[in-house]
Amino acid sequence: MGQIKIIVEKYSEGYVAYPLGLKGVVVGEGDTYEAALEDVKSAIQFHMETFKEEIFETEEIIGDLCC
């Protein structure tokens, strides 16, 4: 598997994280940056196990699967 870029955004209610380049909606959330990142990583793993290679929007996977 390649790398997936994850965006983490801060809001007044907490943090929201989502990956770029995947088909479908995959979102994580948490009270801290780390919690949102772990939540989205778990959601990505589940999404990949469920839908396999069909989830990638392009052939090229970009970024890092972390921070």
PDB file of N, CA and C in Angstrom:
ATOM      1  N   MET A   1       0.839  -1.188   0.000  1.00  0.00           N
ATOM      2  CA  MET A   1       0.000   0.000   0.000  1.00  0.00           C
ATOM      3  C   MET A   1       0.876   1.240   0.000  1.00  0.00           C
ATOM      4  N   GLY A   2       0.420   2.267  -0.670  1.00  0.00           N
ATOM      5  CA  GLY A   2       1.132   3.530  -0.725  1.00  0.00           C
ATOM      6  C   GLY A   2       0.795   4.397   0.478  1.00  0.00           C
ATOM      7  N   GLN A   3       1.024   5.669   0.314  1.00  0.00           N
ATOM      8  CA  GLN A   3       0.753   6.616   1.387  1.00  0.00           C
ATOM      9  C   GLN A   3      -0.490   7.427   1.062  1.00  0.00           C
ATOM     10  N   ILE A   4      -1.177   7.836   2.102  1.00  0.00           N
ATOM     11  CA  ILE A   4      -2.406   8.618   1.963  1.00  0.00           C
ATOM     12  C   ILE A   4      -2.233   9.908   2.750  1.00  0.00           C
ATOM     13  N   LYS A   5      -2.546  11.033   2.131  1.00  0.00           N
ATOM     14  CA  LYS A   5      -2.458  12.325   2.810  1.00  0.00           C
ATOM     15  C   LYS A   5      -3.709  12.534   3.646  1.00  0.00           C
ATOM     16  N   ILE A   6      -3.514  12.907   4.900  1.00  0.00           N
ATOM     17  CA  ILE A   6      -4.620  13.149   5.823  1.00  0.00           C
ATOM     18  C   ILE A   6      -4.610  14.616   6.227  1.00  0.00           C
ATOM     19  N   ILE A   7      -5.766  15.240   6.148  1.00  0.00           N
ATOM     20  CA  ILE A   7      -5.947  16.623   6.573  1.00  0.00           C
ATOM     21  C   ILE A   7      -6.609  16.600   7.950  1.00  0.00           C
ATOM     22  N   VAL A   8      -6.069  17.380   8.886  1.00  0.00           N
ATOM     23  CA  VAL A   8      -6.673  17.516  10.212  1.00  0.00           C
ATOM     24  C   VAL A   8      -6.990  18.989  10.408  1.00  0.00           C
ATOM     25  N   GLU A   9      -8.258  19.274  10.682  1.00  0.00           N
ATOM     26  CA  GLU A   9      -8.698  20.656  10.866  1.00  0.00           C
ATOM     27  C   GLU A   9      -9.179  20.858  12.297  1.00  0.00           C
ATOM     28  N   LYS A  10      -8.862  22.018  12.853  1.00  0.00           N
ATOM     29  CA  LYS A  10      -9.271  22.351  14.217  1.00  0.00           C
ATOM     30  C   LYS A  10     -10.517  23.234  14.178  1.00  0.00           C
ATOM     31  N   TYR A  11     -11.487  22.864  14.981  1.00  0.00           N
ATOM     32  CA  TYR A  11     -12.720  23.640  15.141  1.00  0.00           C
ATOM     33  C   TYR A  11     -12.921  23.919  16.623  1.00  0.00           C
ATOM     34  N   SER A  12     -13.831  24.792  16.952  1.00  0.00           N
ATOM     35  CA  SER A  12     -14.063  25.118  18.359  1.00  0.00           C
ATOM     36  C   SER A  12     -14.560  23.905  19.150  1.00  0.00           C
ATOM     37  N   GLU A  13     -15.220  22.954  18.470  1.00  0.00           N
ATOM     38  CA  GLU A  13     -15.753  21.763  19.132  1.00  0.00           C
ATOM     39  C   GLU A  13     -14.747  20.623  19.196  1.00  0.00           C
ATOM     40  N   GLY A  14     -13.615  20.736  18.487  1.00  0.00           N
ATOM     41  CA  GLY A  14     -12.624  19.662  18.457  1.00  0.00           C
ATOM     42  C   GLY A  14     -11.934  19.605  17.105  1.00  0.00           C
ATOM     43  N   TYR A  15     -11.493  18.415  16.719  1.00  0.00           N
ATOM     44  CA  TYR A  15     -10.748  18.219  15.488  1.00  0.00           C
ATOM     45  C   TYR A  15     -11.480  17.259  14.557  1.00  0.00           C
ATOM     46  N   VAL A  16     -11.331  17.502  13.249  1.00  0.00           N
ATOM     47  CA  VAL A  16     -11.883  16.627  12.221  1.00  0.00           C
ATOM     48  C   VAL A  16     -10.739  16.267  11.281  1.00  0.00           C
ATOM     49  N   ALA A  17     -10.655  14.977  10.921  1.00  0.00           N
ATOM     50  CA  ALA A  17      -9.598  14.511  10.026  1.00  0.00           C
ATOM     51  C   ALA A  17     -10.217  13.740   8.872  1.00  0.00           C
ATOM     52  N   TYR A  18      -9.632  13.905   7.675  1.00  0.00           N
ATOM     53  CA  TYR A  18     -10.117  13.170   6.511  1.00  0.00           C
ATOM     54  C   TYR A  18      -8.970  12.952   5.531  1.00  0.00           C
ATOM     55  N   PRO A  19      -9.014  11.837   4.800  1.00  0.00           N
ATOM     56  CA  PRO A  19      -7.967  11.546   3.822  1.00  0.00           C
ATOM     57  C   PRO A  19      -8.286  12.159   2.461  1.00  0.00           C
ATOM     58  N   LEU A  20      -7.247  12.413   1.690  1.00  0.00           N
ATOM     59  CA  LEU A  20      -7.419  12.864   0.309  1.00  0.00           C
ATOM     60  C   LEU A  20      -7.205  11.682  -0.623  1.00  0.00           C
ATOM     61  N   GLY A  21      -7.964  11.645  -1.713  1.00  0.00           N
ATOM     62  CA  GLY A  21      -7.742  10.651  -2.750  1.00  0.00           C
ATOM     63  C   GLY A  21      -8.479   9.339  -2.589  1.00  0.00           C
ATOM     64  N   LEU A  22      -9.425   9.262  -1.654  1.00  0.00           N
ATOM     65  CA  LEU A  22     -10.209   8.042  -1.493  1.00  0.00           C
ATOM     66  C   LEU A  22     -11.639   8.286  -1.941  1.00  0.00           C
ATOM     67  N   LYS A  23     -12.238   7.300  -2.597  1.00  0.00           N
ATOM     68  CA  LYS A  23     -13.656   7.374  -2.955  1.00  0.00           C
ATOM     69  C   LYS A  23     -14.474   7.103  -1.707  1.00  0.00           C
ATOM     70  N   GLY A  24     -15.595   7.772  -1.592  1.00  0.00           N
ATOM     71  CA  GLY A  24     -16.458   7.594  -0.440  1.00  0.00           C
ATOM     72  C   GLY A  24     -16.112   8.596   0.647  1.00  0.00           C
ATOM     73  N   VAL A  25     -16.864   8.534   1.719  1.00  0.00           N
ATOM     74  CA  VAL A  25     -16.677   9.466   2.821  1.00  0.00           C
ATOM     75  C   VAL A  25     -15.980   8.740   3.962  1.00  0.00           C
ATOM     76  N   VAL A  26     -14.807   9.218   4.324  1.00  0.00           N
ATOM     77  CA  VAL A  26     -14.048   8.668   5.434  1.00  0.00           C
ATOM     78  C   VAL A  26     -13.631   9.852   6.299  1.00  0.00           C
ATOM     79  N   VAL A  27     -14.149   9.898   7.535  1.00  0.00           N
ATOM     80  CA  VAL A  27     -13.888  11.030   8.415  1.00  0.00           C
ATOM     81  C   VAL A  27     -13.602  10.516   9.817  1.00  0.00           C
ATOM     82  N   GLY A  28     -12.703  11.194  10.498  1.00  0.00           N
ATOM     83  CA  GLY A  28     -12.446  10.915  11.905  1.00  0.00           C
ATOM     84  C   GLY A  28     -12.621  12.194  12.699  1.00  0.00           C
ATOM     85  N   GLU A  29     -12.912  12.049  13.982  1.00  0.00           N
ATOM     86  CA  GLU A  29     -13.056  13.229  14.823  1.00  0.00           C
ATOM     87  C   GLU A  29     -12.563  12.930  16.222  1.00  0.00           C
ATOM     88  N   GLY A  30     -12.252  13.983  16.960  1.00  0.00           N
ATOM     89  CA  GLY A  30     -11.794  13.801  18.322  1.00  0.00           C
ATOM     90  C   GLY A  30     -11.616  15.129  19.026  1.00  0.00           C
ATOM     91  N   ASP A  31     -11.446  15.045  20.332  1.00  0.00           N
ATOM     92  CA  ASP A  31     -11.230  16.254  21.126  1.00  0.00           C
ATOM     93  C   ASP A  31      -9.814  16.792  20.962  1.00  0.00           C
ATOM     94  N   THR A  32      -8.887  15.921  20.521  1.00  0.00           N
ATOM     95  CA  THR A  32      -7.502  16.332  20.299  1.00  0.00           C
ATOM     96  C   THR A  32      -7.083  15.977  18.877  1.00  0.00           C
ATOM     97  N   TYR A  33      -5.978  16.571  18.443  1.00  0.00           N
ATOM     98  CA  TYR A  33      -5.404  16.270  17.133  1.00  0.00           C
ATOM     99  C   TYR A  33      -5.127  14.781  17.019  1.00  0.00           C
ATOM    100  N   GLU A  34      -4.486  14.236  18.044  1.00  0.00           N
ATOM    101  CA  GLU A  34      -4.109  12.823  18.039  1.00  0.00           C
ATOM    102  C   GLU A  34      -5.324  11.904  17.990  1.00  0.00           C
ATOM    103  N   ALA A  35      -6.370  12.253  18.729  1.00  0.00           N
ATOM    104  CA  ALA A  35      -7.590  11.433  18.750  1.00  0.00           C
ATOM    105  C   ALA A  35      -8.258  11.419  17.371  1.00  0.00           C
ATOM    106  N   ALA A  36      -8.323  12.570  16.724  1.00  0.00           N
ATOM    107  CA  ALA A  36      -8.924  12.645  15.384  1.00  0.00           C
ATOM    108  C   ALA A  36      -8.094  11.862  14.376  1.00  0.00           C
ATOM    109  N   LEU A  37      -6.775  11.953  14.491  1.00  0.00           N
ATOM    110  CA  LEU A  37      -5.884  11.235  13.582  1.00  0.00           C
ATOM    111  C   LEU A  37      -6.035   9.724  13.755  1.00  0.00           C
ATOM    112  N   GLU A  38      -6.072   9.250  14.968  1.00  0.00           N
ATOM    113  CA  GLU A  38      -6.250   7.816  15.218  1.00  0.00           C
ATOM    114  C   GLU A  38      -7.617   7.340  14.736  1.00  0.00           C
ATOM    115  N   ASP A  39      -8.646   8.168  14.930  1.00  0.00           N
ATOM    116  CA  ASP A  39      -9.997   7.812  14.501  1.00  0.00           C
ATOM    117  C   ASP A  39     -10.062   7.675  12.981  1.00  0.00           C
ATOM    118  N   VAL A  40      -9.458   8.607  12.249  1.00  0.00           N
ATOM    119  CA  VAL A  40      -9.507   8.529  10.787  1.00  0.00           C
ATOM    120  C   VAL A  40      -8.641   7.388  10.277  1.00  0.00           C
ATOM    121  N   LYS A  41      -7.520   7.100  10.924  1.00  0.00           N
ATOM    122  CA  LYS A  41      -6.696   5.965  10.509  1.00  0.00           C
ATOM    123  C   LYS A  41      -7.482   4.663  10.641  1.00  0.00           C
ATOM    124  N   SER A  42      -8.231   4.530  11.718  1.00  0.00           N
ATOM    125  CA  SER A  42      -9.069   3.349  11.920  1.00  0.00           C
ATOM    126  C   SER A  42     -10.150   3.265  10.840  1.00  0.00           C
ATOM    127  N   ALA A  43     -10.758   4.406  10.520  1.00  0.00           N
ATOM    128  CA  ALA A  43     -11.798   4.448   9.494  1.00  0.00           C
ATOM    129  C   ALA A  43     -11.224   4.105   8.119  1.00  0.00           C
ATOM    130  N   ILE A  44     -10.010   4.587   7.822  1.00  0.00           N
ATOM    131  CA  ILE A  44      -9.357   4.268   6.549  1.00  0.00           C
ATOM    132  C   ILE A  44      -9.091   2.774   6.463  1.00  0.00           C
ATOM    133  N   GLN A  45      -8.574   2.196   7.533  1.00  0.00           N
ATOM    134  CA  GLN A  45      -8.271   0.763   7.546  1.00  0.00           C
ATOM    135  C   GLN A  45      -9.536  -0.054   7.266  1.00  0.00           C
ATOM    136  N   PHE A  46     -10.622   0.283   7.940  1.00  0.00           N
ATOM    137  CA  PHE A  46     -11.892  -0.409   7.729  1.00  0.00           C
ATOM    138  C   PHE A  46     -12.353  -0.240   6.280  1.00  0.00           C
ATOM    139  N   HIS A  47     -12.270   0.974   5.762  1.00  0.00           N
ATOM    140  CA  HIS A  47     -12.699   1.283   4.395  1.00  0.00           C
ATOM    141  C   HIS A  47     -11.884   0.467   3.386  1.00  0.00           C
ATOM    142  N   MET A  48     -10.584   0.370   3.614  1.00  0.00           N
ATOM    143  CA  MET A  48      -9.716  -0.372   2.700  1.00  0.00           C
ATOM    144  C   MET A  48      -9.998  -1.871   2.766  1.00  0.00           C
ATOM    145  N   GLU A  49     -10.228  -2.402   3.952  1.00  0.00           N
ATOM    146  CA  GLU A  49     -10.538  -3.820   4.086  1.00  0.00           C
ATOM    147  C   GLU A  49     -11.867  -4.160   3.433  1.00  0.00           C
ATOM    148  N   THR A  50     -12.795  -3.228   3.478  1.00  0.00           N
ATOM    149  CA  THR A  50     -14.131  -3.455   2.931  1.00  0.00           C
ATOM    150  C   THR A  50     -14.161  -3.326   1.411  1.00  0.00           C
ATOM    151  N   PHE A  51     -13.544  -2.280   0.871  1.00  0.00           N
ATOM    152  CA  PHE A  51     -13.671  -1.970  -0.552  1.00  0.00           C
ATOM    153  C   PHE A  51     -12.419  -2.249  -1.375  1.00  0.00           C
ATOM    154  N   LYS A  52     -11.334  -2.663  -0.757  1.00  0.00           N
ATOM    155  CA  LYS A  52     -10.072  -3.025  -1.435  1.00  0.00           C
ATOM    156  C   LYS A  52      -9.554  -1.880  -2.306  1.00  0.00           C
ATOM    157  N   GLU A  53      -9.024  -2.210  -3.461  1.00  0.00           N
ATOM    158  CA  GLU A  53      -8.386  -1.221  -4.337  1.00  0.00           C
ATOM    159  C   GLU A  53      -9.387  -0.296  -5.042  1.00  0.00           C
ATOM    160  N   GLU A  54     -10.663  -0.587  -4.952  1.00  0.00           N
ATOM    161  CA  GLU A  54     -11.684   0.242  -5.609  1.00  0.00           C
ATOM    162  C   GLU A  54     -11.811   1.629  -4.984  1.00  0.00           C
ATOM    163  N   ILE A  55     -11.193   1.852  -3.836  1.00  0.00           N
ATOM    164  CA  ILE A  55     -11.406   3.101  -3.105  1.00  0.00           C
ATOM    165  C   ILE A  55     -10.562   4.264  -3.591  1.00  0.00           C
ATOM    166  N   PHE A  56      -9.498   3.998  -4.366  1.00  0.00           N
ATOM    167  CA  PHE A  56      -8.609   5.070  -4.761  1.00  0.00           C
ATOM    168  C   PHE A  56      -9.137   5.818  -5.974  1.00  0.00           C
ATOM    169  N   GLU A  57      -9.139   7.160  -5.876  1.00  0.00           N
ATOM    170  CA  GLU A  57      -9.631   7.993  -6.963  1.00  0.00           C
ATOM    171  C   GLU A  57      -8.653   8.033  -8.126  1.00  0.00           C
ATOM    172  N   THR A  58      -7.374   7.925  -7.857  1.00  0.00           N
ATOM    173  CA  THR A  58      -6.353   7.951  -8.897  1.00  0.00           C
ATOM    174  C   THR A  58      -5.403   6.794  -8.673  1.00  0.00           C
ATOM    175  N   GLU A  59      -4.567   6.550  -9.647  1.00  0.00           N
ATOM    176  CA  GLU A  59      -3.549   5.513  -9.523  1.00  0.00           C
ATOM    177  C   GLU A  59      -2.455   5.939  -8.558  1.00  0.00           C
ATOM    178  N   GLU A  60      -2.232   7.244  -8.437  1.00  0.00           N
ATOM    179  CA  GLU A  60      -1.168   7.767  -7.593  1.00  0.00           C
ATOM    180  C   GLU A  60      -1.704   8.074  -6.209  1.00  0.00           C
ATOM    181  N   ILE A  61      -1.053   7.555  -5.199  1.00  0.00           N
ATOM    182  CA  ILE A  61      -1.404   7.845  -3.812  1.00  0.00           C
ATOM    183  C   ILE A  61      -0.372   8.829  -3.296  1.00  0.00           C
ATOM    184  N   ILE A  62      -0.841   9.898  -2.645  1.00  0.00           N
ATOM    185  CA  ILE A  62       0.068  10.958  -2.250  1.00  0.00           C
ATOM    186  C   ILE A  62       0.148  11.106  -0.744  1.00  0.00           C
ATOM    187  N   GLY A  63       1.179  11.762  -0.277  1.00  0.00           N
ATOM    188  CA  GLY A  63       1.274  12.166   1.109  1.00  0.00           C
ATOM    189  C   GLY A  63       1.691  11.070   2.060  1.00  0.00           C
ATOM    190  N   ASP A  64       1.494  11.325   3.339  1.00  0.00           N
ATOM    191  CA  ASP A  64       1.885  10.419   4.403  1.00  0.00           C
ATOM    192  C   ASP A  64       0.667   9.976   5.186  1.00  0.00           C
ATOM    193  N   LEU A  65       0.704   8.732   5.639  1.00  0.00           N
ATOM    194  CA  LEU A  65      -0.353   8.240   6.504  1.00  0.00           C
ATOM    195  C   LEU A  65       0.083   8.503   7.935  1.00  0.00           C
ATOM    196  N   CYS A  66       0.170   9.768   8.225  1.00  0.00           N
ATOM    197  CA  CYS A  66       0.495  10.179   9.584  1.00  0.00           C
ATOM    198  C   CYS A  66       0.480  11.674   9.663  1.00  0.00           C
ATOM    199  N   CYS A  67       0.667  12.173  10.751  1.00  0.00           N
ATOM    200  CA  CYS A  67       0.698  13.587  11.123  1.00  0.00           C
ATOM    201  C   CYS A  67       0.577  14.427   9.908  1.00  0.00           C
TER     202      CYS A  67
END
